[in-house]
Amino acid sequence: MRDANLSIPMVGIGGIDEQNAESVIRAGANGVSLSH
């Protein structure tokens, strides 16, 4: 999608927590929202 210059909202649900949020952002996420 990045190669095609598409800009669409994406939502990932589950598997993201305070221990791995930094690596998720480094992998290309624009942000991470954590809820309990």
N, C-alpha and C. Protein backbone atom coordinates (compact mmCIF):
# COMPACT_ATOMS: atom_id res chain seq x y z
N MET A 1 0.82 -1.20 0.00
CA MET A 1 0.00 0.00 0.00
C MET A 1 0.86 1.25 0.00
N ARG A 2 1.97 1.23 0.75
CA ARG A 2 2.84 2.41 0.76
C ARG A 2 3.43 2.68 -0.61
N ASP A 3 3.82 1.61 -1.32
CA ASP A 3 4.38 1.79 -2.66
C ASP A 3 3.37 2.40 -3.62
N ALA A 4 2.10 2.15 -3.39
CA ALA A 4 1.04 2.70 -4.25
C ALA A 4 0.58 4.07 -3.77
N ASN A 5 1.22 4.60 -2.71
CA ASN A 5 0.86 5.91 -2.15
C ASN A 5 -0.60 5.98 -1.70
N LEU A 6 -1.12 4.88 -1.20
CA LEU A 6 -2.49 4.88 -0.67
C LEU A 6 -2.46 5.38 0.77
N SER A 7 -3.42 6.18 1.12
CA SER A 7 -3.53 6.69 2.48
C SER A 7 -4.93 6.37 2.98
N ILE A 8 -5.04 5.27 3.72
CA ILE A 8 -6.34 4.85 4.25
C ILE A 8 -6.18 4.55 5.73
N PRO A 9 -7.23 4.76 6.51
CA PRO A 9 -7.14 4.40 7.93
C PRO A 9 -7.13 2.89 8.09
N MET A 10 -6.29 2.41 8.98
CA MET A 10 -6.23 0.99 9.26
C MET A 10 -6.33 0.79 10.77
N VAL A 11 -6.97 -0.27 11.16
CA VAL A 11 -7.14 -0.57 12.58
C VAL A 11 -6.62 -1.98 12.83
N GLY A 12 -5.75 -2.11 13.80
CA GLY A 12 -5.30 -3.42 14.23
C GLY A 12 -5.87 -3.68 15.61
N ILE A 13 -6.47 -4.82 15.79
CA ILE A 13 -7.11 -5.13 17.07
C ILE A 13 -6.42 -6.34 17.69
N GLY A 14 -5.98 -6.16 18.91
CA GLY A 14 -5.40 -7.26 19.66
C GLY A 14 -3.91 -7.42 19.43
N GLY A 15 -3.24 -7.93 20.43
CA GLY A 15 -1.83 -8.24 20.33
C GLY A 15 -0.88 -7.07 20.57
N ILE A 16 -1.41 -5.87 20.73
CA ILE A 16 -0.56 -4.70 20.98
C ILE A 16 -0.73 -4.30 22.44
N ASP A 17 0.39 -4.23 23.14
CA ASP A 17 0.34 -3.82 24.54
C ASP A 17 1.52 -2.90 24.84
N GLU A 18 1.67 -2.50 26.09
CA GLU A 18 2.72 -1.56 26.43
C GLU A 18 4.12 -2.12 26.20
N GLN A 19 4.26 -3.43 26.18
CA GLN A 19 5.58 -4.02 25.95
C GLN A 19 6.00 -3.96 24.48
N ASN A 20 5.06 -4.00 23.54
CA ASN A 20 5.46 -4.04 22.13
C ASN A 20 4.98 -2.83 21.33
N ALA A 21 4.36 -1.85 21.96
CA ALA A 21 3.84 -0.69 21.24
C ALA A 21 4.95 0.06 20.50
N GLU A 22 6.12 0.20 21.11
CA GLU A 22 7.22 0.92 20.44
C GLU A 22 7.63 0.22 19.15
N SER A 23 7.76 -1.09 19.17
CA SER A 23 8.16 -1.80 17.95
C SER A 23 7.07 -1.73 16.89
N VAL A 24 5.81 -1.67 17.30
CA VAL A 24 4.71 -1.53 16.35
C VAL A 24 4.80 -0.17 15.65
N ILE A 25 5.08 0.88 16.42
CA ILE A 25 5.22 2.22 15.83
C ILE A 25 6.45 2.27 14.92
N ARG A 26 7.56 1.68 15.35
CA ARG A 26 8.77 1.66 14.52
C ARG A 26 8.53 0.90 13.22
N ALA A 27 7.63 -0.06 13.24
CA ALA A 27 7.32 -0.83 12.04
C ALA A 27 6.45 -0.05 11.07
N GLY A 28 5.92 1.10 11.50
CA GLY A 28 5.18 1.93 10.57
C GLY A 28 3.82 2.41 11.03
N ALA A 29 3.39 2.02 12.21
CA ALA A 29 2.10 2.51 12.70
C ALA A 29 2.20 4.00 13.01
N ASN A 30 1.14 4.73 12.77
CA ASN A 30 1.12 6.17 13.07
C ASN A 30 0.87 6.43 14.54
N GLY A 31 0.35 5.47 15.24
CA GLY A 31 0.07 5.63 16.66
C GLY A 31 -0.55 4.37 17.21
N VAL A 32 -0.57 4.28 18.49
CA VAL A 32 -1.15 3.12 19.16
C VAL A 32 -2.05 3.62 20.28
N SER A 33 -3.25 3.10 20.36
CA SER A 33 -4.16 3.43 21.44
C SER A 33 -4.33 2.20 22.31
N LEU A 34 -4.05 2.34 23.58
CA LEU A 34 -4.18 1.22 24.51
C LEU A 34 -5.37 1.46 25.42
N SER A 35 -6.17 0.45 25.62
CA SER A 35 -7.27 0.56 26.57
C SER A 35 -7.29 -0.67 27.45
N HIS A 36 -7.81 -0.52 28.61
CA HIS A 36 -7.84 -1.62 29.57
C HIS A 36 -9.24 -2.10 29.77
